[in-house]
mmCIF file of all heavy atoms, coordinates in Angstrom:
data_MODEL
# 
_entry.id   MODEL 
# 
loop_
_atom_site.group_PDB 
_atom_site.id 
_atom_site.type_symbol 
_atom_site.label_atom_id 
_atom_site.label_alt_id 
_atom_site.label_comp_id 
_atom_site.label_asym_id 
_atom_site.label_entity_id 
_atom_site.label_seq_id 
_atom_site.pdbx_PDB_ins_code 
_atom_site.Cartn_x 
_atom_site.Cartn_y 
_atom_site.Cartn_z 
_atom_site.occupancy 
_atom_site.B_iso_or_equiv 
_atom_site.pdbx_formal_charge 
_atom_site.auth_seq_id 
_atom_site.auth_comp_id 
_atom_site.auth_asym_id 
_atom_site.auth_atom_id 
_atom_site.pdbx_PDB_model_num 
ATOM 1   N N   . ALA A 1 1  ? -6.413  -5.961  -9.087  1.00 0.00 ? 1  ALA A N   1 
ATOM 2   C CA  . ALA A 1 1  ? -7.466  -6.166  -10.086 1.00 0.00 ? 1  ALA A CA  1 
ATOM 3   C C   . ALA A 1 1  ? -8.695  -5.313  -9.769  1.00 0.00 ? 1  ALA A C   1 
ATOM 4   O O   . ALA A 1 1  ? -9.314  -4.736  -10.675 1.00 0.00 ? 1  ALA A O   1 
ATOM 5   C CB  . ALA A 1 1  ? -7.847  -7.644  -10.146 1.00 0.00 ? 1  ALA A CB  1 
ATOM 6   N N   . LEU A 1 2  ? -9.037  -5.213  -8.502  1.00 0.00 ? 2  LEU A N   1 
ATOM 7   C CA  . LEU A 1 2  ? -10.171 -4.384  -8.102  1.00 0.00 ? 2  LEU A CA  1 
ATOM 8   C C   . LEU A 1 2  ? -9.898  -2.906  -8.354  1.00 0.00 ? 2  LEU A C   1 
ATOM 9   O O   . LEU A 1 2  ? -10.747 -2.182  -8.891  1.00 0.00 ? 2  LEU A O   1 
ATOM 10  C CB  . LEU A 1 2  ? -10.483 -4.615  -6.620  1.00 0.00 ? 2  LEU A CB  1 
ATOM 11  C CG  . LEU A 1 2  ? -11.144 -5.948  -6.266  1.00 0.00 ? 2  LEU A CG  1 
ATOM 12  C CD1 . LEU A 1 2  ? -11.045 -6.208  -4.764  1.00 0.00 ? 2  LEU A CD1 1 
ATOM 13  C CD2 . LEU A 1 2  ? -12.605 -5.958  -6.707  1.00 0.00 ? 2  LEU A CD2 1 
ATOM 14  N N   . GLU A 1 3  ? -8.701  -2.461  -7.976  1.00 0.00 ? 3  GLU A N   1 
ATOM 15  C CA  . GLU A 1 3  ? -8.369  -1.037  -8.163  1.00 0.00 ? 3  GLU A CA  1 
ATOM 16  C C   . GLU A 1 3  ? -8.394  -0.672  -9.640  1.00 0.00 ? 3  GLU A C   1 
ATOM 17  O O   . GLU A 1 3  ? -8.917  0.383   -10.030 1.00 0.00 ? 3  GLU A O   1 
ATOM 18  C CB  . GLU A 1 3  ? -6.999  -0.737  -7.567  1.00 0.00 ? 3  GLU A CB  1 
ATOM 19  C CG  . GLU A 1 3  ? -6.641  0.738   -7.619  1.00 0.00 ? 3  GLU A CG  1 
ATOM 20  C CD  . GLU A 1 3  ? -5.304  1.051   -6.972  1.00 0.00 ? 3  GLU A CD  1 
ATOM 21  O OE1 . GLU A 1 3  ? -4.642  0.129   -6.440  1.00 0.00 ? 3  GLU A OE1 1 
ATOM 22  O OE2 . GLU A 1 3  ? -4.913  2.231   -7.027  1.00 0.00 ? 3  GLU A OE2 1 
ATOM 23  N N   . GLU A 1 4  ? -7.834  -1.538  -10.474 1.00 0.00 ? 4  GLU A N   1 
ATOM 24  C CA  . GLU A 1 4  ? -7.800  -1.252  -11.906 1.00 0.00 ? 4  GLU A CA  1 
ATOM 25  C C   . GLU A 1 4  ? -9.184  -1.361  -12.543 1.00 0.00 ? 4  GLU A C   1 
ATOM 26  O O   . GLU A 1 4  ? -9.386  -0.884  -13.661 1.00 0.00 ? 4  GLU A O   1 
ATOM 27  C CB  . GLU A 1 4  ? -6.812  -2.182  -12.601 1.00 0.00 ? 4  GLU A CB  1 
ATOM 28  C CG  . GLU A 1 4  ? -5.371  -1.902  -12.196 1.00 0.00 ? 4  GLU A CG  1 
ATOM 29  C CD  . GLU A 1 4  ? -4.375  -2.815  -12.873 1.00 0.00 ? 4  GLU A CD  1 
ATOM 30  O OE1 . GLU A 1 4  ? -4.797  -3.701  -13.648 1.00 0.00 ? 4  GLU A OE1 1 
ATOM 31  O OE2 . GLU A 1 4  ? -3.162  -2.647  -12.636 1.00 0.00 ? 4  GLU A OE2 1 
ATOM 32  N N   . SER A 1 5  ? -10.124 -1.973  -11.827 1.00 0.00 ? 5  SER A N   1 
ATOM 33  C CA  . SER A 1 5  ? -11.511 -2.039  -12.296 1.00 0.00 ? 5  SER A CA  1 
ATOM 34  C C   . SER A 1 5  ? -12.340 -0.879  -11.762 1.00 0.00 ? 5  SER A C   1 
ATOM 35  O O   . SER A 1 5  ? -13.555 -0.823  -11.982 1.00 0.00 ? 5  SER A O   1 
ATOM 36  C CB  . SER A 1 5  ? -12.147 -3.368  -11.867 1.00 0.00 ? 5  SER A CB  1 
ATOM 37  O OG  . SER A 1 5  ? -11.446 -4.461  -12.413 1.00 0.00 ? 5  SER A OG  1 
ATOM 38  N N   . GLY A 1 6  ? -11.704 0.033   -11.021 1.00 0.00 ? 6  GLY A N   1 
ATOM 39  C CA  . GLY A 1 6  ? -12.408 1.184   -10.466 1.00 0.00 ? 6  GLY A CA  1 
ATOM 40  C C   . GLY A 1 6  ? -13.093 0.921   -9.140  1.00 0.00 ? 6  GLY A C   1 
ATOM 41  O O   . GLY A 1 6  ? -13.802 1.794   -8.631  1.00 0.00 ? 6  GLY A O   1 
ATOM 42  N N   . ARG A 1 7  ? -12.871 -0.263  -8.565  1.00 0.00 ? 7  ARG A N   1 
ATOM 43  C CA  . ARG A 1 7  ? -13.513 -0.623  -7.295  1.00 0.00 ? 7  ARG A CA  1 
ATOM 44  C C   . ARG A 1 7  ? -12.517 -0.364  -6.162  1.00 0.00 ? 7  ARG A C   1 
ATOM 45  O O   . ARG A 1 7  ? -12.002 -1.279  -5.520  1.00 0.00 ? 7  ARG A O   1 
ATOM 46  C CB  . ARG A 1 7  ? -13.975 -2.075  -7.357  1.00 0.00 ? 7  ARG A CB  1 
ATOM 47  C CG  . ARG A 1 7  ? -15.012 -2.292  -8.453  1.00 0.00 ? 7  ARG A CG  1 
ATOM 48  C CD  . ARG A 1 7  ? -15.138 -3.741  -8.905  1.00 0.00 ? 7  ARG A CD  1 
ATOM 49  N NE  . ARG A 1 7  ? -15.625 -4.627  -7.852  1.00 0.00 ? 7  ARG A NE  1 
ATOM 50  C CZ  . ARG A 1 7  ? -15.859 -5.927  -8.049  1.00 0.00 ? 7  ARG A CZ  1 
ATOM 51  N NH1 . ARG A 1 7  ? -15.678 -6.462  -9.257  1.00 0.00 ? 7  ARG A NH1 1 
ATOM 52  N NH2 . ARG A 1 7  ? -16.286 -6.683  -7.056  1.00 0.00 ? 7  ARG A NH2 1 
ATOM 53  N N   . VAL A 1 8  ? -12.255 0.917   -5.911  1.00 0.00 ? 8  VAL A N   1 
ATOM 54  C CA  . VAL A 1 8  ? -11.141 1.305   -5.057  1.00 0.00 ? 8  VAL A CA  1 
ATOM 55  C C   . VAL A 1 8  ? -11.374 0.932   -3.595  1.00 0.00 ? 8  VAL A C   1 
ATOM 56  O O   . VAL A 1 8  ? -10.454 0.479   -2.907  1.00 0.00 ? 8  VAL A O   1 
ATOM 57  C CB  . VAL A 1 8  ? -10.857 2.813   -5.203  1.00 0.00 ? 8  VAL A CB  1 
ATOM 58  C CG1 . VAL A 1 8  ? -9.717  3.235   -4.279  1.00 0.00 ? 8  VAL A CG1 1 
ATOM 59  C CG2 . VAL A 1 8  ? -10.511 3.145   -6.652  1.00 0.00 ? 8  VAL A CG2 1 
ATOM 60  N N   . GLU A 1 9  ? -12.594 1.104   -3.099  1.00 0.00 ? 9  GLU A N   1 
ATOM 61  C CA  . GLU A 1 9  ? -12.852 0.784   -1.688  1.00 0.00 ? 9  GLU A CA  1 
ATOM 62  C C   . GLU A 1 9  ? -12.633 -0.699  -1.427  1.00 0.00 ? 9  GLU A C   1 
ATOM 63  O O   . GLU A 1 9  ? -12.076 -1.086  -0.383  1.00 0.00 ? 9  GLU A O   1 
ATOM 64  C CB  . GLU A 1 9  ? -14.270 1.202   -1.301  1.00 0.00 ? 9  GLU A CB  1 
ATOM 65  C CG  . GLU A 1 9  ? -14.503 2.708   -1.312  1.00 0.00 ? 9  GLU A CG  1 
ATOM 66  C CD  . GLU A 1 9  ? -13.524 3.459   -0.423  1.00 0.00 ? 9  GLU A CD  1 
ATOM 67  O OE1 . GLU A 1 9  ? -13.193 2.948   0.663   1.00 0.00 ? 9  GLU A OE1 1 
ATOM 68  O OE2 . GLU A 1 9  ? -13.101 4.561   -0.815  1.00 0.00 ? 9  GLU A OE2 1 
ATOM 69  N N   . GLU A 1 10 ? -13.063 -1.546  -2.357  1.00 0.00 ? 10 GLU A N   1 
ATOM 70  C CA  . GLU A 1 10 ? -12.825 -2.984  -2.204  1.00 0.00 ? 10 GLU A CA  1 
ATOM 71  C C   . GLU A 1 10 ? -11.338 -3.288  -2.291  1.00 0.00 ? 10 GLU A C   1 
ATOM 72  O O   . GLU A 1 10 ? -10.831 -4.173  -1.595  1.00 0.00 ? 10 GLU A O   1 
ATOM 73  C CB  . GLU A 1 10 ? -13.579 -3.761  -3.284  1.00 0.00 ? 10 GLU A CB  1 
ATOM 74  C CG  . GLU A 1 10 ? -15.085 -3.712  -3.154  1.00 0.00 ? 10 GLU A CG  1 
ATOM 75  C CD  . GLU A 1 10 ? -15.773 -4.391  -4.325  1.00 0.00 ? 10 GLU A CD  1 
ATOM 76  O OE1 . GLU A 1 10 ? -15.844 -5.640  -4.329  1.00 0.00 ? 10 GLU A OE1 1 
ATOM 77  O OE2 . GLU A 1 10 ? -16.228 -3.668  -5.246  1.00 0.00 ? 10 GLU A OE2 1 
ATOM 78  N N   . ALA A 1 11 ? -10.629 -2.551  -3.145  1.00 0.00 ? 11 ALA A N   1 
ATOM 79  C CA  . ALA A 1 11 ? -9.181  -2.739  -3.267  1.00 0.00 ? 11 ALA A CA  1 
ATOM 80  C C   . ALA A 1 11 ? -8.489  -2.410  -1.951  1.00 0.00 ? 11 ALA A C   1 
ATOM 81  O O   . ALA A 1 11 ? -7.603  -3.144  -1.495  1.00 0.00 ? 11 ALA A O   1 
ATOM 82  C CB  . ALA A 1 11 ? -8.637  -1.870  -4.390  1.00 0.00 ? 11 ALA A CB  1 
ATOM 83  N N   . ILE A 1 12 ? -8.899  -1.306  -1.328  1.00 0.00 ? 12 ILE A N   1 
ATOM 84  C CA  . ILE A 1 12 ? -8.313  -0.924  -0.042  1.00 0.00 ? 12 ILE A CA  1 
ATOM 85  C C   . ILE A 1 12 ? -8.477  -2.051  0.968   1.00 0.00 ? 12 ILE A C   1 
ATOM 86  O O   . ILE A 1 12 ? -7.545  -2.402  1.703   1.00 0.00 ? 12 ILE A O   1 
ATOM 87  C CB  . ILE A 1 12 ? -8.969  0.375   0.480   1.00 0.00 ? 12 ILE A CB  1 
ATOM 88  C CG1 . ILE A 1 12 ? -8.545  1.566   -0.382  1.00 0.00 ? 12 ILE A CG1 1 
ATOM 89  C CG2 . ILE A 1 12 ? -8.621  0.616   1.945   1.00 0.00 ? 12 ILE A CG2 1 
ATOM 90  C CD1 . ILE A 1 12 ? -9.279  2.858   -0.060  1.00 0.00 ? 12 ILE A CD1 1 
ATOM 91  N N   . GLU A 1 13 ? -9.658  -2.639  0.991   1.00 0.00 ? 13 GLU A N   1 
ATOM 92  C CA  . GLU A 1 13 ? -9.922  -3.732  1.934   1.00 0.00 ? 13 GLU A CA  1 
ATOM 93  C C   . GLU A 1 13 ? -8.973  -4.909  1.686   1.00 0.00 ? 13 GLU A C   1 
ATOM 94  O O   . GLU A 1 13 ? -8.448  -5.497  2.646   1.00 0.00 ? 13 GLU A O   1 
ATOM 95  C CB  . GLU A 1 13 ? -11.379 -4.185  1.782   1.00 0.00 ? 13 GLU A CB  1 
ATOM 96  C CG  . GLU A 1 13 ? -11.787 -5.268  2.757   1.00 0.00 ? 13 GLU A CG  1 
ATOM 97  C CD  . GLU A 1 13 ? -13.248 -5.649  2.631   1.00 0.00 ? 13 GLU A CD  1 
ATOM 98  O OE1 . GLU A 1 13 ? -14.008 -4.900  1.965   1.00 0.00 ? 13 GLU A OE1 1 
ATOM 99  O OE2 . GLU A 1 13 ? -13.634 -6.695  3.190   1.00 0.00 ? 13 GLU A OE2 1 
ATOM 100 N N   . GLU A 1 14 ? -8.744  -5.248  0.420   1.00 0.00 ? 14 GLU A N   1 
ATOM 101 C CA  . GLU A 1 14 ? -7.864  -6.376  0.117   1.00 0.00 ? 14 GLU A CA  1 
ATOM 102 C C   . GLU A 1 14 ? -6.409  -6.054  0.424   1.00 0.00 ? 14 GLU A C   1 
ATOM 103 O O   . GLU A 1 14 ? -5.664  -6.913  0.917   1.00 0.00 ? 14 GLU A O   1 
ATOM 104 C CB  . GLU A 1 14 ? -8.024  -6.814  -1.334  1.00 0.00 ? 14 GLU A CB  1 
ATOM 105 C CG  . GLU A 1 14 ? -9.395  -7.368  -1.665  1.00 0.00 ? 14 GLU A CG  1 
ATOM 106 C CD  . GLU A 1 14 ? -9.804  -8.552  -0.793  1.00 0.00 ? 14 GLU A CD  1 
ATOM 107 O OE1 . GLU A 1 14 ? -8.915  -9.324  -0.366  1.00 0.00 ? 14 GLU A OE1 1 
ATOM 108 O OE2 . GLU A 1 14 ? -11.009 -8.711  -0.539  1.00 0.00 ? 14 GLU A OE2 1 
ATOM 109 N N   . TYR A 1 15 ? -5.976  -4.834  0.136   1.00 0.00 ? 15 TYR A N   1 
ATOM 110 C CA  . TYR A 1 15 ? -4.603  -4.446  0.487   1.00 0.00 ? 15 TYR A CA  1 
ATOM 111 C C   . TYR A 1 15 ? -4.401  -4.537  1.997   1.00 0.00 ? 15 TYR A C   1 
ATOM 112 O O   . TYR A 1 15 ? -3.361  -5.016  2.474   1.00 0.00 ? 15 TYR A O   1 
ATOM 113 C CB  . TYR A 1 15 ? -4.311  -3.020  0.008   1.00 0.00 ? 15 TYR A CB  1 
ATOM 114 C CG  . TYR A 1 15 ? -4.214  -2.842  -1.491  1.00 0.00 ? 15 TYR A CG  1 
ATOM 115 C CD1 . TYR A 1 15 ? -4.680  -1.666  -2.092  1.00 0.00 ? 15 TYR A CD1 1 
ATOM 116 C CD2 . TYR A 1 15 ? -3.655  -3.823  -2.305  1.00 0.00 ? 15 TYR A CD2 1 
ATOM 117 C CE1 . TYR A 1 15 ? -4.588  -1.488  -3.476  1.00 0.00 ? 15 TYR A CE1 1 
ATOM 118 C CE2 . TYR A 1 15 ? -3.564  -3.646  -3.684  1.00 0.00 ? 15 TYR A CE2 1 
ATOM 119 C CZ  . TYR A 1 15 ? -4.039  -2.476  -4.252  1.00 0.00 ? 15 TYR A CZ  1 
ATOM 120 O OH  . TYR A 1 15 ? -3.949  -2.297  -5.612  1.00 0.00 ? 15 TYR A OH  1 
ATOM 121 N N   . GLU A 1 16 ? -5.397  -4.072  2.754   1.00 0.00 ? 16 GLU A N   1 
ATOM 122 C CA  . GLU A 1 16 ? -5.292  -4.147  4.218   1.00 0.00 ? 16 GLU A CA  1 
ATOM 123 C C   . GLU A 1 16 ? -5.231  -5.606  4.689   1.00 0.00 ? 16 GLU A C   1 
ATOM 124 O O   . GLU A 1 16 ? -4.483  -5.944  5.607   1.00 0.00 ? 16 GLU A O   1 
ATOM 125 C CB  . GLU A 1 16 ? -6.480  -3.424  4.867   1.00 0.00 ? 16 GLU A CB  1 
ATOM 126 C CG  . GLU A 1 16 ? -6.499  -1.909  4.639   1.00 0.00 ? 16 GLU A CG  1 
ATOM 127 C CD  . GLU A 1 16 ? -5.463  -1.163  5.454   1.00 0.00 ? 16 GLU A CD  1 
ATOM 128 O OE1 . GLU A 1 16 ? -4.610  -1.807  6.099   1.00 0.00 ? 16 GLU A OE1 1 
ATOM 129 O OE2 . GLU A 1 16 ? -5.509  0.081   5.430   1.00 0.00 ? 16 GLU A OE2 1 
ATOM 130 N N   . ARG A 1 17 ? -6.031  -6.464  4.063   1.00 0.00 ? 17 ARG A N   1 
ATOM 131 C CA  . ARG A 1 17 ? -5.996  -7.882  4.424   1.00 0.00 ? 17 ARG A CA  1 
ATOM 132 C C   . ARG A 1 17 ? -4.640  -8.507  4.102   1.00 0.00 ? 17 ARG A C   1 
ATOM 133 O O   . ARG A 1 17 ? -4.148  -9.368  4.837   1.00 0.00 ? 17 ARG A O   1 
ATOM 134 C CB  . ARG A 1 17 ? -7.103  -8.639  3.687   1.00 0.00 ? 17 ARG A CB  1 
ATOM 135 C CG  . ARG A 1 17 ? -8.508  -8.374  4.209   1.00 0.00 ? 17 ARG A CG  1 
ATOM 136 C CD  . ARG A 1 17 ? -9.519  -9.225  3.465   1.00 0.00 ? 17 ARG A CD  1 
ATOM 137 N NE  . ARG A 1 17 ? -10.867 -9.055  3.973   1.00 0.00 ? 17 ARG A NE  1 
ATOM 138 C CZ  . ARG A 1 17 ? -11.927 -9.716  3.523   1.00 0.00 ? 17 ARG A CZ  1 
ATOM 139 N NH1 . ARG A 1 17 ? -11.788 -10.604 2.549   1.00 0.00 ? 17 ARG A NH1 1 
ATOM 140 N NH2 . ARG A 1 17 ? -13.121 -9.497  4.041   1.00 0.00 ? 17 ARG A NH2 1 
ATOM 141 N N   . SER A 1 18 ? -4.043  -8.087  2.990   1.00 0.00 ? 18 SER A N   1 
ATOM 142 C CA  . SER A 1 18 ? -2.734  -8.642  2.641   1.00 0.00 ? 18 SER A CA  1 
ATOM 143 C C   . SER A 1 18 ? -1.693  -8.242  3.682   1.00 0.00 ? 18 SER A C   1 
ATOM 144 O O   . SER A 1 18 ? -0.782  -9.014  3.990   1.00 0.00 ? 18 SER A O   1 
ATOM 145 C CB  . SER A 1 18 ? -2.301  -8.182  1.245   1.00 0.00 ? 18 SER A CB  1 
ATOM 146 O OG  . SER A 1 18 ? -1.887  -6.839  1.234   1.00 0.00 ? 18 SER A OG  1 
ATOM 147 N N   . ILE A 1 19 ? -1.837  -7.040  4.246   1.00 0.00 ? 19 ILE A N   1 
ATOM 148 C CA  . ILE A 1 19 ? -0.918  -6.589  5.292   1.00 0.00 ? 19 ILE A CA  1 
ATOM 149 C C   . ILE A 1 19 ? -1.141  -7.375  6.580   1.00 0.00 ? 19 ILE A C   1 
ATOM 150 O O   . ILE A 1 19 ? -0.191  -7.673  7.314   1.00 0.00 ? 19 ILE A O   1 
ATOM 151 C CB  . ILE A 1 19 ? -1.081  -5.075  5.517   1.00 0.00 ? 19 ILE A CB  1 
ATOM 152 C CG1 . ILE A 1 19 ? -0.577  -4.313  4.285   1.00 0.00 ? 19 ILE A CG1 1 
ATOM 153 C CG2 . ILE A 1 19 ? -0.345  -4.618  6.773   1.00 0.00 ? 19 ILE A CG2 1 
ATOM 154 C CD1 . ILE A 1 19 ? -0.909  -2.834  4.295   1.00 0.00 ? 19 ILE A CD1 1 
ATOM 155 N N   . VAL A 1 20 ? -2.386  -7.725  6.863   1.00 0.00 ? 20 VAL A N   1 
ATOM 156 C CA  . VAL A 1 20 ? -2.665  -8.568  8.029   1.00 0.00 ? 20 VAL A CA  1 
ATOM 157 C C   . VAL A 1 20 ? -1.972  -9.927  7.862   1.00 0.00 ? 20 VAL A C   1 
ATOM 158 O O   . VAL A 1 20 ? -1.359  -10.450 8.791   1.00 0.00 ? 20 VAL A O   1 
ATOM 159 C CB  . VAL A 1 20 ? -4.183  -8.756  8.218   1.00 0.00 ? 20 VAL A CB  1 
ATOM 160 C CG1 . VAL A 1 20 ? -4.463  -9.812  9.286   1.00 0.00 ? 20 VAL A CG1 1 
ATOM 161 C CG2 . VAL A 1 20 ? -4.835  -7.429  8.612   1.00 0.00 ? 20 VAL A CG2 1 
ATOM 162 N N   . ASP A 1 21 ? -2.064  -10.495 6.642   1.00 0.00 ? 21 ASP A N   1 
ATOM 163 C CA  . ASP A 1 21 ? -1.419  -11.781 6.376   1.00 0.00 ? 21 ASP A CA  1 
ATOM 164 C C   . ASP A 1 21 ? 0.100   -11.658 6.412   1.00 0.00 ? 21 ASP A C   1 
ATOM 165 O O   . ASP A 1 21 ? 0.790   -12.598 6.821   1.00 0.00 ? 21 ASP A O   1 
ATOM 166 C CB  . ASP A 1 21 ? -1.843  -12.323 5.005   1.00 0.00 ? 21 ASP A CB  1 
ATOM 167 C CG  . ASP A 1 21 ? -3.269  -12.850 4.997   1.00 0.00 ? 21 ASP A CG  1 
ATOM 168 O OD1 . ASP A 1 21 ? -3.853  -12.995 6.092   1.00 0.00 ? 21 ASP A OD1 1 
ATOM 169 O OD2 . ASP A 1 21 ? -3.802  -13.128 3.904   1.00 0.00 ? 21 ASP A OD2 1 
ATOM 170 N N   . ASN A 1 22 ? 0.620   -10.516 5.968   1.00 0.00 ? 22 ASN A N   1 
ATOM 171 C CA  . ASN A 1 22 ? 2.065   -10.301 5.937   1.00 0.00 ? 22 ASN A CA  1 
ATOM 172 C C   . ASN A 1 22 ? 2.355   -8.830  6.195   1.00 0.00 ? 22 ASN A C   1 
ATOM 173 O O   . ASN A 1 22 ? 2.302   -8.011  5.271   1.00 0.00 ? 22 ASN A O   1 
ATOM 174 C CB  . ASN A 1 22 ? 2.651   -10.730 4.587   1.00 0.00 ? 22 ASN A CB  1 
ATOM 175 C CG  . ASN A 1 22 ? 4.145   -10.441 4.498   1.00 0.00 ? 22 ASN A CG  1 
ATOM 176 O OD1 . ASN A 1 22 ? 4.796   -10.125 5.493   1.00 0.00 ? 22 ASN A OD1 1 
ATOM 177 N ND2 . ASN A 1 22 ? 4.700   -10.545 3.306   1.00 0.00 ? 22 ASN A ND2 1 
ATOM 178 N N   . PRO A 1 23 ? 2.670   -8.456  7.440   1.00 0.00 ? 23 PRO A N   1 
ATOM 179 C CA  . PRO A 1 23 ? 2.909   -7.037  7.766   1.00 0.00 ? 23 PRO A CA  1 
ATOM 180 C C   . PRO A 1 23 ? 4.039   -6.409  6.955   1.00 0.00 ? 23 PRO A C   1 
ATOM 181 O O   . PRO A 1 23 ? 4.117   -5.192  6.870   1.00 0.00 ? 23 PRO A O   1 
ATOM 182 C CB  . PRO A 1 23 ? 3.256   -7.085  9.258   1.00 0.00 ? 23 PRO A CB  1 
ATOM 183 C CG  . PRO A 1 23 ? 2.584   -8.326  9.763   1.00 0.00 ? 23 PRO A CG  1 
ATOM 184 C CD  . PRO A 1 23 ? 2.696   -9.312  8.638   1.00 0.00 ? 23 PRO A CD  1 
ATOM 185 N N   . GLN A 1 24 ? 4.918   -7.233  6.375   1.00 0.00 ? 24 GLN A N   1 
ATOM 186 C CA  . GLN A 1 24 ? 6.014   -6.725  5.573   1.00 0.00 ? 24 GLN A CA  1 
ATOM 187 C C   . GLN A 1 24 ? 5.648   -6.602  4.094   1.00 0.00 ? 24 GLN A C   1 
ATOM 188 O O   . GLN A 1 24 ? 6.521   -6.440  3.239   1.00 0.00 ? 24 GLN A O   1 
ATOM 189 C CB  . GLN A 1 24 ? 7.237   -7.658  5.710   1.00 0.00 ? 24 GLN A CB  1 
ATOM 190 C CG  . GLN A 1 24 ? 7.720   -7.822  7.127   1.00 0.00 ? 24 GLN A CG  1 
ATOM 191 C CD  . GLN A 1 24 ? 8.094   -6.503  7.770   1.00 0.00 ? 24 GLN A CD  1 
ATOM 192 O OE1 . GLN A 1 24 ? 8.872   -5.736  7.202   1.00 0.00 ? 24 GLN A OE1 1 
ATOM 193 N NE2 . GLN A 1 24 ? 7.565   -6.221  8.944   1.00 0.00 ? 24 GLN A NE2 1 
ATOM 194 N N   . MET A 1 25 ? 4.354   -6.649  3.772   1.00 0.00 ? 25 MET A N   1 
ATOM 195 C CA  . MET A 1 25 ? 3.896   -6.585  2.378   1.00 0.00 ? 25 MET A CA  1 
ATOM 196 C C   . MET A 1 25 ? 4.039   -5.152  1.877   1.00 0.00 ? 25 MET A C   1 
ATOM 197 O O   . MET A 1 25 ? 3.087   -4.374  1.828   1.00 0.00 ? 25 MET A O   1 
ATOM 198 C CB  . MET A 1 25 ? 2.445   -7.054  2.295   1.00 0.00 ? 25 MET A CB  1 
ATOM 199 C CG  . MET A 1 25 ? 1.970   -7.359  0.886   1.00 0.00 ? 25 MET A CG  1 
ATOM 200 S SD  . MET A 1 25 ? 2.812   -8.796  0.215   1.00 0.00 ? 25 MET A SD  1 
ATOM 201 C CE  . MET A 1 25 ? 2.023   -8.924  -1.384  1.00 0.00 ? 25 MET A CE  1 
ATOM 202 N N   . SER A 1 26 ? 5.254   -4.803  1.490   1.00 0.00 ? 26 SER A N   1 
ATOM 203 C CA  . SER A 1 26 ? 5.558   -3.415  1.145   1.00 0.00 ? 26 SER A CA  1 
ATOM 204 C C   . SER A 1 26 ? 4.760   -2.927  -0.053  1.00 0.00 ? 26 SER A C   1 
ATOM 205 O O   . SER A 1 26 ? 4.392   -1.746  -0.120  1.00 0.00 ? 26 SER A O   1 
ATOM 206 C CB  . SER A 1 26 ? 7.056   -3.264  0.886   1.00 0.00 ? 26 SER A CB  1 
ATOM 207 O OG  . SER A 1 26 ? 7.495   -4.161  -0.115  1.00 0.00 ? 26 SER A OG  1 
ATOM 208 N N   . LYS A 1 27 ? 4.467   -3.819  -1.014  1.00 0.00 ? 27 LYS A N   1 
ATOM 209 C CA  . LYS A 1 27 ? 3.708   -3.392  -2.191  1.00 0.00 ? 27 LYS A CA  1 
ATOM 210 C C   . LYS A 1 27 ? 2.304   -2.940  -1.813  1.00 0.00 ? 27 LYS A C   1 
ATOM 211 O O   . LYS A 1 27 ? 1.764   -2.004  -2.406  1.00 0.00 ? 27 LYS A O   1 
ATOM 212 C CB  . LYS A 1 27 ? 3.653   -4.524  -3.215  1.00 0.00 ? 27 LYS A CB  1 
ATOM 213 C CG  . LYS A 1 27 ? 4.975   -4.802  -3.910  1.00 0.00 ? 27 LYS A CG  1 
ATOM 214 C CD  . LYS A 1 27 ? 4.826   -5.912  -4.928  1.00 0.00 ? 27 LYS A CD  1 
ATOM 215 C CE  . LYS A 1 27 ? 6.099   -6.072  -5.761  1.00 0.00 ? 27 LYS A CE  1 
ATOM 216 N NZ  . LYS A 1 27 ? 7.271   -6.407  -4.959  1.00 0.00 ? 27 LYS A NZ  1 
# 
């Protein structure tokens, strides 16, 4: 939702957090 709103840096942070929660988060 952040990336599609143009807030790419915040999106990167959330994607990284999702990987911390689940290292196998391939998406």
